[in-house]
Protein backbone atom coordinates (compact mmCIF):
# COMPACT_ATOMS: atom_id res chain seq x y z
CA MET A 1 0.00 0.00 0.00
CA ARG A 2 2.76 2.42 0.97
CA ASN A 3 4.58 1.60 -2.28
CA ARG A 4 1.50 2.53 -4.36
CA MET A 5 1.11 5.81 -2.50
CA THR A 6 4.76 6.67 -3.12
CA MET A 7 4.39 5.84 -6.82
CA GLY A 8 1.24 7.96 -6.99
CA ALA A 9 2.98 10.90 -5.33
CA ARG A 10 5.90 10.66 -7.77
CA LEU A 11 3.55 10.53 -10.73
CA ILE A 12 1.68 13.61 -9.51
CA SER A 13 4.98 15.45 -8.94
CA LYS A 14 6.18 14.66 -12.47
CA TRP A 15 2.86 15.76 -13.95
CA ALA A 16 2.94 19.03 -11.95
CA LEU A 17 6.47 19.70 -13.22
CA LEU A 18 5.38 19.08 -16.81
CA VAL A 19 2.45 21.48 -16.45
CA THR A 20 4.71 24.13 -14.87
CA VAL A 21 7.26 23.82 -17.68
CA SER A 22 4.52 24.02 -20.33
CA LEU A 23 3.04 27.16 -18.80
CA THR A 24 6.48 28.74 -18.48
CA VAL A 25 7.26 28.09 -22.16
CA ALA A 26 3.91 29.62 -23.17
CA ALA A 27 4.54 32.67 -20.99
CA VAL A 28 8.05 33.18 -22.39
CA HIS A 29 6.80 33.02 -25.99
CA GLY A 30 4.14 35.66 -25.29
CA ALA A 31 2.50 35.93 -28.72
CA ALA A 32 -0.61 38.11 -28.79
CA LEU A 33 -3.33 39.30 -31.15
CA LYS A 34 -4.58 42.84 -30.66
CA SER A 35 -7.15 45.13 -32.20
CA SER A 36 -8.75 48.41 -31.22
CA GLN A 37 -12.05 46.73 -32.10
CA THR A 38 -13.68 43.99 -30.07
CA ARG A 39 -16.61 43.84 -32.46
CA VAL A 40 -16.89 43.89 -36.24
CA GLU A 41 -19.72 43.69 -38.75
CA ALA A 42 -19.69 40.64 -41.03
CA GLY A 43 -18.30 41.65 -44.42
CA GLN A 44 -16.16 44.43 -42.95
CA ALA A 45 -12.44 44.72 -42.19
CA LEU A 46 -10.81 44.42 -38.78
CA LEU A 47 -7.49 46.17 -38.06
CA LEU A 48 -5.40 43.39 -36.51
CA ALA A 49 -1.89 43.35 -35.05
CA GLY A 50 0.14 40.40 -33.88
CA THR A 51 3.22 40.62 -31.65
CA GLY A 52 5.59 38.26 -29.89
CA PHE A 53 5.74 35.64 -32.63
CA HIS A 54 8.92 34.01 -33.92
CA ALA A 55 10.54 35.96 -36.78
CA GLY A 56 9.57 34.51 -40.16
CA GLN A 57 6.94 32.24 -38.62
CA THR A 58 3.81 31.53 -40.66
CA VAL A 59 0.52 31.47 -38.77
CA THR A 60 -2.99 30.78 -39.96
CA LEU A 61 -5.72 33.12 -38.73
CA VAL A 62 -8.94 31.30 -37.92
CA LEU A 63 -12.28 32.61 -36.66
CA LEU A 64 -13.68 29.95 -34.34
CA GLY A 65 -17.31 29.95 -33.21
CA SER A 66 -19.23 27.41 -31.17
CA LEU A 67 -20.42 25.56 -34.28
CA THR A 68 -18.40 27.00 -37.15
CA GLU A 69 -14.84 27.72 -38.15
CA TYR A 70 -13.62 30.15 -40.82
CA THR A 71 -10.03 30.07 -42.05
CA LEU A 72 -9.27 33.70 -42.86
CA ARG A 73 -5.68 33.69 -44.18
CA ASP A 74 -2.05 32.76 -43.65
CA VAL A 75 0.38 35.40 -42.37
CA THR A 76 4.17 35.40 -42.43
CA VAL A 77 5.50 37.28 -39.42
CA ASP A 78 8.20 39.94 -39.97
CA ASP A 79 11.75 39.99 -38.55
CA GLU A 80 10.45 41.70 -35.39
CA GLY A 81 7.96 38.90 -34.73
CA ALA A 82 4.99 41.11 -35.61
CA PHE A 83 2.37 41.85 -38.28
CA ALA A 84 -0.37 44.45 -38.77
CA PHE A 85 -3.03 44.74 -41.47
CA ASP A 86 -6.77 44.90 -42.12
CA ILE A 87 -8.34 41.46 -42.28
CA ASP A 88 -11.68 40.98 -44.00
CA VAL A 89 -14.36 39.16 -42.05
CA PRO A 90 -16.44 37.19 -44.57
CA ALA A 91 -19.99 38.46 -45.12
CA ASP A 92 -21.42 34.98 -44.49
CA VAL A 93 -20.13 34.81 -40.90
CA ARG A 94 -23.12 34.41 -38.62
CA PRO A 95 -23.51 36.98 -35.83
CA GLY A 96 -22.14 35.83 -32.49
CA GLN A 97 -19.11 35.43 -30.23
CA TYR A 98 -15.91 34.08 -31.75
CA GLN A 99 -12.28 33.53 -30.92
CA LEU A 100 -9.78 34.80 -33.45
CA LEU A 101 -6.89 32.33 -33.35
CA ALA A 102 -3.35 32.40 -34.68
CA LEU A 103 -2.38 28.78 -35.35
CA SER A 104 1.08 27.53 -36.26
CA GLY A 105 2.11 24.18 -37.77
CA GLY A 106 0.16 21.27 -36.37
CA ASP A 107 -2.70 23.58 -35.32
CA VAL A 108 -0.82 24.84 -32.26
CA ARG A 109 -2.60 27.82 -30.71
CA GLU A 110 -0.04 30.63 -30.62
CA ALA A 111 -2.40 33.48 -29.69
CA GLN A 112 -6.09 34.30 -29.46
CA MET A 113 -8.52 37.13 -28.87
CA ASP A 114 -12.26 37.36 -28.38
CA LEU A 115 -14.29 38.98 -31.14
CA SER A 116 -17.98 39.72 -31.53
CA VAL A 117 -19.35 39.59 -35.09
CA THR A 118 -22.55 41.51 -35.82
CA ALA A 119 -24.99 41.06 -38.71
CA VAL A 120 -24.40 42.67 -42.09
CA SER A 121 -26.14 46.04 -42.13
CA GLN A 122 -29.25 46.41 -44.28
CA VAL A 123 -27.50 49.03 -46.47
CA ALA A 124 -24.56 46.71 -47.19
CA ALA A 125 -26.89 43.80 -47.89
CA ALA A 126 -28.95 45.88 -50.37
CA GLU A 127 -25.80 47.12 -52.13
CA SER A 128 -24.49 43.58 -52.59
CA HIS A 129 -27.69 42.57 -54.45
CA ASP A 130 -27.47 45.42 -56.97
């Protein structure tokens, strides 16, 4: 019995160390997505900046909702580990709460931010049918 408890304690200690190391690596990397907007209308552009990435790294920007996922585009990060541009939110994105993700090879989550998408305005919808 004592042997099993000792083995269990060692296993928990190793697992705790692994979690601590993983969190430390994530904190050191420190990639982030930022925008002055926390909400955007479907079909409109969002000014987006990314910082803290590895120089030359390619990330895929994905809009992730509870039931849907939209791959927006691939981005190659500059020598400073950053990027900034307007990204178009597709007009067919349903209104709701999303996470904007920056994914690297193997779908590793490098950074994320919350984003609210609102419905296409009636004016924009009417113009698109002309």
